[in-house]
Structure formats: C-alpha cells, structure tokens
Amino acid sequence: MIAGVFVFVLWLAIAVFYIACGWKIFTKAGQPGWACIIPFYNIWVMLKIVNRPGWWLIMMLIPFVSIVFGIIVVVDLAKAFGKSVGFAIFMILLGFIAYPMLAFGSAQYTRPVRAAA
C-alpha cells in the first residue's frame, strides 16, 4: 500500500515537472503554455512552433511513420531554439535532461525560416 502511494506520488511529481517543461518551452516560443497539456492540440502547436504544416498532425498519428516525423520535429525544435543537431540527438536520447535545459536554460526562440506549406 505504502509502496503504491510512493510510486503514484513519484509519477505525479515527474508528470508535473514535464508539464512545467513543456509549458515553459511553449511560452518561450510565444504560444500559450496551457496548450502543452491538451492532447492533439499540443502536437498542432508544436508543429506551429517548428514551422511545419498542419497536415503533419495526421502523419504523427500513424504508427512507425510518427517516429520519423517526430525525429524531424525534435531536430526542428532544437534548431528553433538555436541549438545544433547534436543537441537534438541529446533531446532524443536523454530527453529528461535536455528538455529541462531547453525550457529553463538561456535558449531563445527564433522562428524557423522554412516556409510552411
């Protein structure tokens, strides 16, 4: 019983931390922070942040295809905050360290120059 409560509290703390990271990343990019907690809408806003077309949302819902599109979005997110592809790989492999660095660090959002289709 106590172990179950401990696991739940730990899970809740981790979830709140990741929501705070997402909220901060969204607000740094000039988007509403609350959008990070709304399913599907958060993907839509993330695509807007990285300047990708909205139809990518459909691709992000297809198994296996979403992996490729997700990697592209992470690379674009890193670039949108002035980071390198190396940092994007860091985000993919060690996201629990990289996303807080992006959210609470000194990285500034610069709108990607790619034209959205």
PDB file of N, CA and C in Angstrom:
ATOM      1  N   MET A   1       0.826  -1.197   0.000  1.00  0.00           N
ATOM      2  CA  MET A   1       0.000   0.000   0.000  1.00  0.00           C
ATOM      3  C   MET A   1       0.872   1.265   0.000  1.00  0.00           C
ATOM      4  N   ILE A   2       1.832   1.313   0.906  1.00  0.00           N
ATOM      5  CA  ILE A   2       2.700   2.489   1.001  1.00  0.00           C
ATOM      6  C   ILE A   2       3.563   2.599  -0.246  1.00  0.00           C
ATOM      7  N   ALA A   3       4.024   1.458  -0.767  1.00  0.00           N
ATOM      8  CA  ALA A   3       4.831   1.480  -1.989  1.00  0.00           C
ATOM      9  C   ALA A   3       4.009   2.012  -3.155  1.00  0.00           C
ATOM     10  N   GLY A   4       2.751   1.632  -3.229  1.00  0.00           N
ATOM     11  CA  GLY A   4       1.877   2.118  -4.293  1.00  0.00           C
ATOM     12  C   GLY A   4       1.665   3.613  -4.218  1.00  0.00           C
ATOM     13  N   VAL A   5       1.473   4.121  -3.021  1.00  0.00           N
ATOM     14  CA  VAL A   5       1.304   5.565  -2.828  1.00  0.00           C
ATOM     15  C   VAL A   5       2.587   6.291  -3.209  1.00  0.00           C
ATOM     16  N   PHE A   6       3.733   5.742  -2.805  1.00  0.00           N
ATOM     17  CA  PHE A   6       5.018   6.349  -3.152  1.00  0.00           C
ATOM     18  C   PHE A   6       5.214   6.401  -4.662  1.00  0.00           C
ATOM     19  N   VAL A   7       4.906   5.297  -5.347  1.00  0.00           N
ATOM     20  CA  VAL A   7       5.051   5.256  -6.809  1.00  0.00           C
ATOM     21  C   VAL A   7       4.115   6.272  -7.451  1.00  0.00           C
ATOM     22  N   PHE A   8       2.890   6.390  -6.959  1.00  0.00           N
ATOM     23  CA  PHE A   8       1.946   7.358  -7.519  1.00  0.00           C
ATOM     24  C   PHE A   8       2.441   8.788  -7.311  1.00  0.00           C
ATOM     25  N   VAL A   9       2.918   9.099  -6.124  1.00  0.00           N
ATOM     26  CA  VAL A   9       3.409  10.455  -5.843  1.00  0.00           C
ATOM     27  C   VAL A   9       4.632  10.762  -6.709  1.00  0.00           C
ATOM     28  N   LEU A  10       5.517   9.782  -6.862  1.00  0.00           N
ATOM     29  CA  LEU A  10       6.683   9.967  -7.720  1.00  0.00           C
ATOM     30  C   LEU A  10       6.257  10.201  -9.169  1.00  0.00           C
ATOM     31  N   TRP A  11       5.329   9.394  -9.675  1.00  0.00           N
ATOM     32  CA  TRP A  11       4.815   9.556 -11.034  1.00  0.00           C
ATOM     33  C   TRP A  11       4.178  10.932 -11.202  1.00  0.00           C
ATOM     34  N   LEU A  12       3.401  11.356 -10.220  1.00  0.00           N
ATOM     35  CA  LEU A  12       2.746  12.659 -10.284  1.00  0.00           C
ATOM     36  C   LEU A  12       3.769  13.796 -10.307  1.00  0.00           C
ATOM     37  N   ALA A  13       4.822  13.685  -9.511  1.00  0.00           N
ATOM     38  CA  ALA A  13       5.865  14.713  -9.491  1.00  0.00           C
ATOM     39  C   ALA A  13       6.581  14.791 -10.840  1.00  0.00           C
ATOM     40  N   ILE A  14       6.870  13.643 -11.431  1.00  0.00           N
ATOM     41  CA  ILE A  14       7.518  13.622 -12.743  1.00  0.00           C
ATOM     42  C   ILE A  14       6.603  14.223 -13.804  1.00  0.00           C
ATOM     43  N   ALA A  15       5.316  13.881 -13.755  1.00  0.00           N
ATOM     44  CA  ALA A  15       4.359  14.420 -14.722  1.00  0.00           C
ATOM     45  C   ALA A  15       4.259  15.939 -14.603  1.00  0.00           C
ATOM     46  N   VAL A  16       4.190  16.454 -13.395  1.00  0.00           N
ATOM     47  CA  VAL A  16       4.104  17.904 -13.187  1.00  0.00           C
ATOM     48  C   VAL A  16       5.378  18.582 -13.690  1.00  0.00           C
ATOM     49  N   PHE A  17       6.536  17.961 -13.458  1.00  0.00           N
ATOM     50  CA  PHE A  17       7.801  18.517 -13.932  1.00  0.00           C
ATOM     51  C   PHE A  17       7.820  18.607 -15.458  1.00  0.00           C
ATOM     52  N   TYR A  18       7.387  17.529 -16.142  1.00  0.00           N
ATOM     53  CA  TYR A  18       7.378  17.553 -17.606  1.00  0.00           C
ATOM     54  C   TYR A  18       6.346  18.532 -18.152  1.00  0.00           C
ATOM     55  N   ILE A  19       5.231  18.689 -17.472  1.00  0.00           N
ATOM     56  CA  ILE A  19       4.244  19.690 -17.884  1.00  0.00           C
ATOM     57  C   ILE A  19       4.857  21.088 -17.746  1.00  0.00           C
ATOM     58  N   ALA A  20       5.582  21.321 -16.664  1.00  0.00           N
ATOM     59  CA  ALA A  20       6.241  22.626 -16.471  1.00  0.00           C
ATOM     60  C   ALA A  20       7.264  22.881 -17.572  1.00  0.00           C
ATOM     61  N   CYS A  21       8.015  21.846 -17.955  1.00  0.00           N
ATOM     62  CA  CYS A  21       8.994  21.998 -19.041  1.00  0.00           C
ATOM     63  C   CYS A  21       8.293  22.337 -20.355  1.00  0.00           C
ATOM     64  N   GLY A  22       7.260  21.587 -20.683  1.00  0.00           N
ATOM     65  CA  GLY A  22       6.514  21.850 -21.912  1.00  0.00           C
ATOM     66  C   GLY A  22       5.883  23.228 -21.909  1.00  0.00           C
ATOM     67  N   TRP A  23       5.315  23.607 -20.772  1.00  0.00           N
ATOM     68  CA  TRP A  23       4.684  24.920 -20.630  1.00  0.00           C
ATOM     69  C   TRP A  23       5.703  26.021 -20.909  1.00  0.00           C
ATOM     70  N   LYS A  24       6.879  25.881 -20.330  1.00  0.00           N
ATOM     71  CA  LYS A  24       7.920  26.901 -20.499  1.00  0.00           C
ATOM     72  C   LYS A  24       8.417  26.962 -21.946  1.00  0.00           C
ATOM     73  N   ILE A  25       8.585  25.807 -22.586  1.00  0.00           N
ATOM     74  CA  ILE A  25       9.014  25.776 -23.986  1.00  0.00           C
ATOM     75  C   ILE A  25       7.971  26.453 -24.863  1.00  0.00           C
ATOM     76  N   PHE A  26       6.693  26.153 -24.626  1.00  0.00           N
ATOM     77  CA  PHE A  26       5.623  26.767 -25.423  1.00  0.00           C
ATOM     78  C   PHE A  26       5.593  28.281 -25.213  1.00  0.00           C
ATOM     79  N   THR A  27       5.727  28.729 -23.962  1.00  0.00           N
ATOM     80  CA  THR A  27       5.665  30.180 -23.731  1.00  0.00           C
ATOM     81  C   THR A  27       6.898  30.888 -24.288  1.00  0.00           C
ATOM     82  N   LYS A  28       8.061  30.239 -24.237  1.00  0.00           N
ATOM     83  CA  LYS A  28       9.256  30.835 -24.853  1.00  0.00           C
ATOM     84  C   LYS A  28       9.048  31.025 -26.346  1.00  0.00           C
ATOM     85  N   ALA A  29       8.269  30.139 -26.960  1.00  0.00           N
ATOM     86  CA  ALA A  29       8.024  30.216 -28.395  1.00  0.00           C
ATOM     87  C   ALA A  29       6.828  31.110 -28.730  1.00  0.00           C
ATOM     88  N   GLY A  30       6.283  31.785 -27.728  1.00  0.00           N
ATOM     89  CA  GLY A  30       5.181  32.710 -27.975  1.00  0.00           C
ATOM     90  C   GLY A  30       3.824  32.039 -28.117  1.00  0.00           C
ATOM     91  N   GLN A  31       3.705  30.827 -27.651  1.00  0.00           N
ATOM     92  CA  GLN A  31       2.443  30.094 -27.709  1.00  0.00           C
ATOM     93  C   GLN A  31       1.875  29.988 -26.294  1.00  0.00           C
ATOM     94  N   PRO A  32       0.578  29.700 -26.175  1.00  0.00           N
ATOM     95  CA  PRO A  32       0.018  29.562 -24.824  1.00  0.00           C
ATOM     96  C   PRO A  32       0.577  28.315 -24.134  1.00  0.00           C
ATOM     97  N   GLY A  33       1.027  28.471 -22.914  1.00  0.00           N
ATOM     98  CA  GLY A  33       1.619  27.362 -22.180  1.00  0.00           C
ATOM     99  C   GLY A  33       0.647  26.226 -21.922  1.00  0.00           C
ATOM    100  N   TRP A  34      -0.625  26.566 -21.660  1.00  0.00           N
ATOM    101  CA  TRP A  34      -1.620  25.539 -21.371  1.00  0.00           C
ATOM    102  C   TRP A  34      -1.817  24.587 -22.539  1.00  0.00           C
ATOM    103  N   ALA A  35      -1.408  24.971 -23.727  1.00  0.00           N
ATOM    104  CA  ALA A  35      -1.584  24.121 -24.907  1.00  0.00           C
ATOM    105  C   ALA A  35      -0.796  22.823 -24.794  1.00  0.00           C
ATOM    106  N   CYS A  36       0.223  22.793 -23.980  1.00  0.00           N
ATOM    107  CA  CYS A  36       1.044  21.582 -23.861  1.00  0.00           C
ATOM    108  C   CYS A  36       0.311  20.447 -23.168  1.00  0.00           C
ATOM    109  N   ILE A  37      -0.789  20.731 -22.481  1.00  0.00           N
ATOM    110  CA  ILE A  37      -1.499  19.671 -21.765  1.00  0.00           C
ATOM    111  C   ILE A  37      -2.752  19.177 -22.487  1.00  0.00           C
ATOM    112  N   ILE A  38      -3.052  19.748 -23.642  1.00  0.00           N
ATOM    113  CA  ILE A  38      -4.239  19.343 -24.403  1.00  0.00           C
ATOM    114  C   ILE A  38      -3.814  18.344 -25.479  1.00  0.00           C
ATOM    115  N   PRO A  39      -4.308  17.092 -25.389  1.00  0.00           N
ATOM    116  CA  PRO A  39      -3.914  16.090 -26.393  1.00  0.00           C
ATOM    117  C   PRO A  39      -4.247  16.546 -27.819  1.00  0.00           C
ATOM    118  N   PHE A  40      -3.414  16.209 -28.751  1.00  0.00           N
ATOM    119  CA  PHE A  40      -3.504  16.525 -30.176  1.00  0.00           C
ATOM    120  C   PHE A  40      -3.274  18.011 -30.455  1.00  0.00           C
ATOM    121  N   TYR A  41      -3.893  18.880 -29.651  1.00  0.00           N
ATOM    122  CA  TYR A  41      -3.655  20.307 -29.835  1.00  0.00           C
ATOM    123  C   TYR A  41      -2.197  20.640 -29.538  1.00  0.00           C
ATOM    124  N   ASN A  42      -1.596  19.930 -28.579  1.00  0.00           N
ATOM    125  CA  ASN A  42      -0.192  20.186 -28.265  1.00  0.00           C
ATOM    126  C   ASN A  42       0.711  19.840 -29.447  1.00  0.00           C
ATOM    127  N   ILE A  43       0.352  18.810 -30.193  1.00  0.00           N
ATOM    128  CA  ILE A  43       1.130  18.473 -31.396  1.00  0.00           C
ATOM    129  C   ILE A  43       0.951  19.570 -32.441  1.00  0.00           C
ATOM    130  N   TRP A  44      -0.271  20.026 -32.608  1.00  0.00           N
ATOM    131  CA  TRP A  44      -0.579  21.088 -33.566  1.00  0.00           C
ATOM    132  C   TRP A  44       0.246  22.344 -33.256  1.00  0.00           C
ATOM    133  N   VAL A  45       0.283  22.726 -31.986  1.00  0.00           N
ATOM    134  CA  VAL A  45       1.033  23.916 -31.582  1.00  0.00           C
ATOM    135  C   VAL A  45       2.532  23.685 -31.764  1.00  0.00           C
ATOM    136  N   MET A  46       3.011  22.489 -31.438  1.00  0.00           N
ATOM    137  CA  MET A  46       4.432  22.181 -31.630  1.00  0.00           C
ATOM    138  C   MET A  46       4.805  22.293 -33.106  1.00  0.00           C
ATOM    139  N   LEU A  47       3.931  21.811 -33.987  1.00  0.00           N
ATOM    140  CA  LEU A  47       4.183  21.940 -35.422  1.00  0.00           C
ATOM    141  C   LEU A  47       4.227  23.408 -35.832  1.00  0.00           C
ATOM    142  N   LYS A  48       3.394  24.214 -35.190  1.00  0.00           N
ATOM    143  CA  LYS A  48       3.402  25.652 -35.450  1.00  0.00           C
ATOM    144  C   LYS A  48       4.721  26.269 -34.968  1.00  0.00           C
ATOM    145  N   ILE A  49       5.204  25.827 -33.826  1.00  0.00           N
ATOM    146  CA  ILE A  49       6.458  26.342 -33.267  1.00  0.00           C
ATOM    147  C   ILE A  49       7.627  26.048 -34.205  1.00  0.00           C
ATOM    148  N   VAL A  50       7.658  24.831 -34.769  1.00  0.00           N
ATOM    149  CA  VAL A  50       8.777  24.453 -35.640  1.00  0.00           C
ATOM    150  C   VAL A  50       8.496  24.781 -37.101  1.00  0.00           C
ATOM    151  N   ASN A  51       7.378  25.449 -37.351  1.00  0.00           N
ATOM    152  CA  ASN A  51       7.013  25.921 -38.687  1.00  0.00           C
ATOM    153  C   ASN A  51       6.858  24.773 -39.690  1.00  0.00           C
ATOM    154  N   ARG A  52       6.149  23.759 -39.276  1.00  0.00           N
ATOM    155  CA  ARG A  52       5.798  22.648 -40.164  1.00  0.00           C
ATOM    156  C   ARG A  52       4.308  22.722 -40.463  1.00  0.00           C
ATOM    157  N   PRO A  53       3.875  22.177 -41.601  1.00  0.00           N
ATOM    158  CA  PRO A  53       2.464  22.261 -41.980  1.00  0.00           C
ATOM    159  C   PRO A  53       1.559  21.455 -41.044  1.00  0.00           C
ATOM    160  N   GLY A  54       0.326  21.907 -40.917  1.00  0.00           N
ATOM    161  CA  GLY A  54      -0.631  21.269 -40.025  1.00  0.00           C
ATOM    162  C   GLY A  54      -0.983  19.838 -40.392  1.00  0.00           C
ATOM    163  N   TRP A  55      -0.860  19.473 -41.668  1.00  0.00           N
ATOM    164  CA  TRP A  55      -1.207  18.107 -42.054  1.00  0.00           C
ATOM    165  C   TRP A  55      -0.232  17.092 -41.473  1.00  0.00           C
ATOM    166  N   TRP A  56       0.897  17.554 -40.953  1.00  0.00           N
ATOM    167  CA  TRP A  56       1.833  16.646 -40.290  1.00  0.00           C
ATOM    168  C   TRP A  56       1.197  16.017 -39.053  1.00  0.00           C
ATOM    169  N   LEU A  57       0.181  16.672 -38.492  1.00  0.00           N
ATOM    170  CA  LEU A  57      -0.510  16.098 -37.344  1.00  0.00           C
ATOM    171  C   LEU A  57      -1.062  14.719 -37.689  1.00  0.00           C
ATOM    172  N   ILE A  58      -1.596  14.571 -38.869  1.00  0.00           N
ATOM    173  CA  ILE A  58      -2.118  13.268 -39.308  1.00  0.00           C
ATOM    174  C   ILE A  58      -0.983  12.251 -39.389  1.00  0.00           C
ATOM    175  N   MET A  59       0.149  12.683 -39.918  1.00  0.00           N
ATOM    176  CA  MET A  59       1.294  11.778 -40.023  1.00  0.00           C
ATOM    177  C   MET A  59       1.822  11.373 -38.644  1.00  0.00           C
ATOM    178  N   MET A  60       1.693  12.273 -37.675  1.00  0.00           N
ATOM    179  CA  MET A  60       2.159  11.983 -36.318  1.00  0.00           C
ATOM    180  C   MET A  60       1.272  10.958 -35.617  1.00  0.00           C
ATOM    181  N   LEU A  61       0.112  10.655 -36.181  1.00  0.00           N
ATOM    182  CA  LEU A  61      -0.796   9.678 -35.582  1.00  0.00           C
ATOM    183  C   LEU A  61      -0.653   8.282 -36.191  1.00  0.00           C
ATOM    184  N   ILE A  62       0.161   8.145 -37.223  1.00  0.00           N
ATOM    185  CA  ILE A  62       0.348   6.859 -37.893  1.00  0.00           C
ATOM    186  C   ILE A  62       1.537   6.140 -37.258  1.00  0.00           C
ATOM    187  N   PRO A  63       1.323   4.896 -36.785  1.00  0.00           N
ATOM    188  CA  PRO A  63       2.433   4.158 -36.169  1.00  0.00           C
ATOM    189  C   PRO A  63       3.627   4.037 -37.117  1.00  0.00           C
ATOM    190  N   PHE A  64       4.818   4.069 -36.557  1.00  0.00           N
ATOM    191  CA  PHE A  64       6.109   3.988 -37.241  1.00  0.00           C
ATOM    192  C   PHE A  64       6.404   5.237 -38.070  1.00  0.00           C
ATOM    193  N   VAL A  65       5.449   5.726 -38.831  1.00  0.00           N
ATOM    194  CA  VAL A  65       5.644   6.972 -39.582  1.00  0.00           C
ATOM    195  C   VAL A  65       5.865   8.106 -38.586  1.00  0.00           C
ATOM    196  N   SER A  66       5.139   8.040 -37.475  1.00  0.00           N
ATOM    197  CA  SER A  66       5.249   9.092 -36.458  1.00  0.00           C
ATOM    198  C   SER A  66       6.654   9.170 -35.873  1.00  0.00           C
ATOM    199  N   ILE A  67       7.377   8.065 -35.859  1.00  0.00           N
ATOM    200  CA  ILE A  67       8.743   8.081 -35.335  1.00  0.00           C
ATOM    201  C   ILE A  67       9.628   8.982 -36.193  1.00  0.00           C
ATOM    202  N   VAL A  68       9.537   8.816 -37.507  1.00  0.00           N
ATOM    203  CA  VAL A  68      10.342   9.625 -38.426  1.00  0.00           C
ATOM    204  C   VAL A  68       9.942  11.093 -38.326  1.00  0.00           C
ATOM    205  N   PHE A  69       8.642  11.367 -38.360  1.00  0.00           N
ATOM    206  CA  PHE A  69       8.176  12.749 -38.288  1.00  0.00           C
ATOM    207  C   PHE A  69       8.505  13.357 -36.925  1.00  0.00           C
ATOM    208  N   GLY A  70       8.430  12.547 -35.861  1.00  0.00           N
ATOM    209  CA  GLY A  70       8.777  13.027 -34.523  1.00  0.00           C
ATOM    210  C   GLY A  70      10.228  13.420 -34.415  1.00  0.00           C
ATOM    211  N   ILE A  71      11.111  12.635 -35.015  1.00  0.00           N
ATOM    212  CA  ILE A  71      12.541  12.963 -35.004  1.00  0.00           C
ATOM    213  C   ILE A  71      12.781  14.272 -35.744  1.00  0.00           C
ATOM    214  N   ILE A  72      12.113  14.447 -36.871  1.00  0.00           N
ATOM    215  CA  ILE A  72      12.261  15.695 -37.632  1.00  0.00           C
ATOM    216  C   ILE A  72      11.785  16.882 -36.796  1.00  0.00           C
ATOM    217  N   VAL A  73      10.680  16.709 -36.091  1.00  0.00           N
ATOM    218  CA  VAL A  73      10.145  17.790 -35.258  1.00  0.00           C
ATOM    219  C   VAL A  73      11.116  18.125 -34.123  1.00  0.00           C
ATOM    220  N   VAL A  74      11.721  17.115 -33.507  1.00  0.00           N
ATOM    221  CA  VAL A  74      12.685  17.365 -32.432  1.00  0.00           C
ATOM    222  C   VAL A  74      13.907  18.115 -32.966  1.00  0.00           C
ATOM    223  N   VAL A  75      14.393  17.716 -34.133  1.00  0.00           N
ATOM    224  CA  VAL A  75      15.532  18.421 -34.742  1.00  0.00           C
ATOM    225  C   VAL A  75      15.137  19.872 -35.037  1.00  0.00           C
ATOM    226  N   ASP A  76      13.948  20.071 -35.593  1.00  0.00           N
ATOM    227  CA  ASP A  76      13.479  21.431 -35.878  1.00  0.00           C
ATOM    228  C   ASP A  76      13.292  22.242 -34.599  1.00  0.00           C
ATOM    229  N   LEU A  77      12.831  21.583 -33.522  1.00  0.00           N
ATOM    230  CA  LEU A  77      12.656  22.283 -32.248  1.00  0.00           C
ATOM    231  C   LEU A  77      14.006  22.749 -31.710  1.00  0.00           C
ATOM    232  N   ALA A  78      14.994  21.884 -31.775  1.00  0.00           N
ATOM    233  CA  ALA A  78      16.335  22.274 -31.328  1.00  0.00           C
ATOM    234  C   ALA A  78      16.844  23.450 -32.147  1.00  0.00           C
ATOM    235  N   LYS A  79      16.692  23.379 -33.455  1.00  0.00           N
ATOM    236  CA  LYS A  79      17.149  24.470 -34.325  1.00  0.00           C
ATOM    237  C   LYS A  79      16.371  25.757 -34.054  1.00  0.00           C
ATOM    238  N   ALA A  80      15.065  25.634 -33.749  1.00  0.00           N
ATOM    239  CA  ALA A  80      14.243  26.818 -33.478  1.00  0.00           C
ATOM    240  C   ALA A  80      14.710  27.555 -32.231  1.00  0.00           C
ATOM    241  N   PHE A  81      15.400  26.848 -31.352  1.00  0.00           N
ATOM    242  CA  PHE A  81      15.937  27.473 -30.148  1.00  0.00           C
ATOM    243  C   PHE A  81      17.439  27.709 -30.253  1.00  0.00           C
ATOM    244  N   GLY A  82      17.958  27.669 -31.483  1.00  0.00           N
ATOM    245  CA  GLY A  82      19.356  27.982 -31.710  1.00  0.00           C
ATOM    246  C   GLY A  82      20.321  26.878 -31.319  1.00  0.00           C
ATOM    247  N   LYS A  83      19.827  25.671 -31.201  1.00  0.00           N
ATOM    248  CA  LYS A  83      20.682  24.540 -30.826  1.00  0.00           C
ATOM    249  C   LYS A  83      21.049  23.745 -32.067  1.00  0.00           C
ATOM    250  N   SER A  84      22.005  22.855 -31.924  1.00  0.00           N
ATOM    251  CA  SER A  84      22.512  22.075 -33.051  1.00  0.00           C
ATOM    252  C   SER A  84      21.771  20.749 -33.178  1.00  0.00           C
ATOM    253  N   VAL A  85      22.092  20.033 -34.250  1.00  0.00           N
ATOM    254  CA  VAL A  85      21.545  18.690 -34.444  1.00  0.00           C
ATOM    255  C   VAL A  85      22.057  17.766 -33.335  1.00  0.00           C
ATOM    256  N   GLY A  86      23.271  18.023 -32.858  1.00  0.00           N
ATOM    257  CA  GLY A  86      23.807  17.259 -31.740  1.00  0.00           C
ATOM    258  C   GLY A  86      22.941  17.391 -30.498  1.00  0.00           C
ATOM    259  N   PHE A  87      22.450  18.598 -30.248  1.00  0.00           N
ATOM    260  CA  PHE A  87      21.547  18.799 -29.109  1.00  0.00           C
ATOM    261  C   PHE A  87      20.232  18.077 -29.356  1.00  0.00           C
ATOM    262  N   ALA A  88      19.778  18.034 -30.605  1.00  0.00           N
ATOM    263  CA  ALA A  88      18.549  17.310 -30.929  1.00  0.00           C
ATOM    264  C   ALA A  88      18.709  15.818 -30.633  1.00  0.00           C
ATOM    265  N   ILE A  89      19.868  15.270 -30.960  1.00  0.00           N
ATOM    266  CA  ILE A  89      20.141  13.861 -30.637  1.00  0.00           C
ATOM    267  C   ILE A  89      20.141  13.679 -29.124  1.00  0.00           C
ATOM    268  N   PHE A  90      20.718  14.640 -28.413  1.00  0.00           N
ATOM    269  CA  PHE A  90      20.693  14.636 -26.951  1.00  0.00           C
ATOM    270  C   PHE A  90      19.250  14.649 -26.442  1.00  0.00           C
ATOM    271  N   MET A  91      18.381  15.443 -27.088  1.00  0.00           N
ATOM    272  CA  MET A  91      16.968  15.501 -26.710  1.00  0.00           C
ATOM    273  C   MET A  91      16.281  14.155 -26.931  1.00  0.00           C
ATOM    274  N   ILE A  92      16.635  13.476 -28.001  1.00  0.00           N
ATOM    275  CA  ILE A  92      16.017  12.187 -28.307  1.00  0.00           C
ATOM    276  C   ILE A  92      16.488  11.119 -27.328  1.00  0.00           C
ATOM    277  N   LEU A  93      17.775  11.103 -27.042  1.00  0.00           N
ATOM    278  CA  LEU A  93      18.338  10.037 -26.208  1.00  0.00           C
ATOM    279  C   LEU A  93      18.189  10.293 -24.709  1.00  0.00           C
ATOM    280  N   LEU A  94      18.352  11.518 -24.292  1.00  0.00           N
ATOM    281  CA  LEU A  94      18.287  11.873 -22.875  1.00  0.00           C
ATOM    282  C   LEU A  94      17.346  13.060 -22.660  1.00  0.00           C
ATOM    283  N   GLY A  95      16.112  12.892 -23.082  1.00  0.00           N
ATOM    284  CA  GLY A  95      15.134  13.963 -23.000  1.00  0.00           C
ATOM    285  C   GLY A  95      14.881  14.471 -21.597  1.00  0.00           C
ATOM    286  N   PHE A  96      14.994  13.593 -20.601  1.00  0.00           N
ATOM    287  CA  PHE A  96      14.744  14.008 -19.223  1.00  0.00           C
ATOM    288  C   PHE A  96      15.779  15.016 -18.727  1.00  0.00           C
ATOM    289  N   ILE A  97      16.896  15.133 -19.426  1.00  0.00           N
ATOM    290  CA  ILE A  97      17.901  16.156 -19.109  1.00  0.00           C
ATOM    291  C   ILE A  97      17.798  17.320 -20.094  1.00  0.00           C
ATOM    292  N   ALA A  98      17.628  17.012 -21.375  1.00  0.00           N
ATOM    293  CA  ALA A  98      17.685  18.031 -22.429  1.00  0.00           C
ATOM    294  C   ALA A  98      16.471  18.961 -22.431  1.00  0.00           C
ATOM    295  N   TYR A  99      15.267  18.422 -22.236  1.00  0.00           N
ATOM    296  CA  TYR A  99      14.080  19.278 -22.281  1.00  0.00           C
ATOM    297  C   TYR A  99      14.077  20.308 -21.154  1.00  0.00           C
ATOM    298  N   PRO A 100      14.435  19.933 -19.913  1.00  0.00           N
ATOM    299  CA  PRO A 100      14.550  20.984 -18.890  1.00  0.00           C
ATOM    300  C   PRO A 100      15.627  22.017 -19.213  1.00  0.00           C
ATOM    301  N   MET A 101      16.719  21.581 -19.832  1.00  0.00           N
ATOM    302  CA  MET A 101      17.762  22.532 -20.237  1.00  0.00           C
ATOM    303  C   MET A 101      17.205  23.517 -21.260  1.00  0.00           C
ATOM    304  N   LEU A 102      16.418  23.008 -22.199  1.00  0.00           N
ATOM    305  CA  LEU A 102      15.826  23.871 -23.221  1.00  0.00           C
ATOM    306  C   LEU A 102      14.801  24.809 -22.595  1.00  0.00           C
ATOM    307  N   ALA A 103      14.001  24.271 -21.689  1.00  0.00           N
ATOM    308  CA  ALA A 103      12.928  25.055 -21.086  1.00  0.00           C
ATOM    309  C   ALA A 103      13.450  26.133 -20.145  1.00  0.00           C
ATOM    310  N   PHE A 104      14.339  25.762 -19.249  1.00  0.00           N
ATOM    311  CA  PHE A 104      14.749  26.672 -18.185  1.00  0.00           C
ATOM    312  C   PHE A 104      16.131  27.278 -18.399  1.00  0.00           C
ATOM    313  N   GLY A 105      16.778  26.899 -19.485  1.00  0.00           N
ATOM    314  CA  GLY A 105      18.092  27.445 -19.794  1.00  0.00           C
ATOM    315  C   GLY A 105      17.991  28.777 -20.518  1.00  0.00           C
ATOM    316  N   SER A 106      19.092  29.202 -21.080  1.00  0.00           N
ATOM    317  CA  SER A 106      19.160  30.512 -21.725  1.00  0.00           C
ATOM    318  C   SER A 106      18.767  30.493 -23.202  1.00  0.00           C
ATOM    319  N   ALA A 107      18.349  29.346 -23.728  1.00  0.00           N
ATOM    320  CA  ALA A 107      17.991  29.247 -25.150  1.00  0.00           C
ATOM    321  C   ALA A 107      16.828  30.185 -25.478  1.00  0.00           C
ATOM    322  N   GLN A 108      16.970  30.910 -26.573  1.00  0.00           N
ATOM    323  CA  GLN A 108      15.936  31.833 -27.031  1.00  0.00           C
ATOM    324  C   GLN A 108      15.305  31.307 -28.312  1.00  0.00           C
ATOM    325  N   TYR A 109      14.007  31.476 -28.422  1.00  0.00           N
ATOM    326  CA  TYR A 109      13.284  31.021 -29.614  1.00  0.00           C
ATOM    327  C   TYR A 109      13.505  31.988 -30.763  1.00  0.00           C
ATOM    328  N   THR A 110      13.867  31.441 -31.913  1.00  0.00           N
ATOM    329  CA  THR A 110      13.946  32.218 -33.148  1.00  0.00           C
ATOM    330  C   THR A 110      13.095  31.474 -34.174  1.00  0.00           C
ATOM    331  N   ARG A 111      12.126  32.131 -34.697  1.00  0.00           N
ATOM    332  CA  ARG A 111      11.186  31.460 -35.625  1.00  0.00           C
ATOM    333  C   ARG A 111      11.965  30.861 -36.798  1.00  0.00           C
ATOM    334  N   PRO A 112      11.737  29.563 -37.086  1.00  0.00           N
ATOM    335  CA  PRO A 112      12.401  28.940 -38.237  1.00  0.00           C
ATOM    336  C   PRO A 112      12.019  29.650 -39.531  1.00  0.00           C
ATOM    337  N   VAL A 113      12.936  29.737 -40.459  1.00  0.00           N
ATOM    338  CA  VAL A 113      12.710  30.466 -41.710  1.00  0.00           C
ATOM    339  C   VAL A 113      12.006  29.626 -42.758  1.00  0.00           C
ATOM    340  N   ARG A 114      11.884  28.331 -42.550  1.00  0.00           N
ATOM    341  CA  ARG A 114      11.239  27.445 -43.526  1.00  0.00           C
ATOM    342  C   ARG A 114       9.798  27.890 -43.744  1.00  0.00           C
ATOM    343  N   ALA A 115       9.397  27.976 -44.966  1.00  0.00           N
ATOM    344  CA  ALA A 115       8.030  28.374 -45.289  1.00  0.00           C
ATOM    345  C   ALA A 115       7.107  27.191 -45.093  1.00  0.00           C
ATOM    346  N   ALA A 116       6.036  27.415 -44.323  1.00  0.00           N
ATOM    347  CA  ALA A 116       5.052  26.338 -44.098  1.00  0.00           C
ATOM    348  C   ALA A 116       4.201  26.185 -45.341  1.00  0.00           C
ATOM    349  N   ALA A 117       3.919  24.940 -45.698  1.00  0.00           N
ATOM    350  CA  ALA A 117       3.122  24.674 -46.898  1.00  0.00           C
ATOM    351  C   ALA A 117       1.658  24.725 -46.584  1.00  0.00           C
TER     352      ALA A 117
END
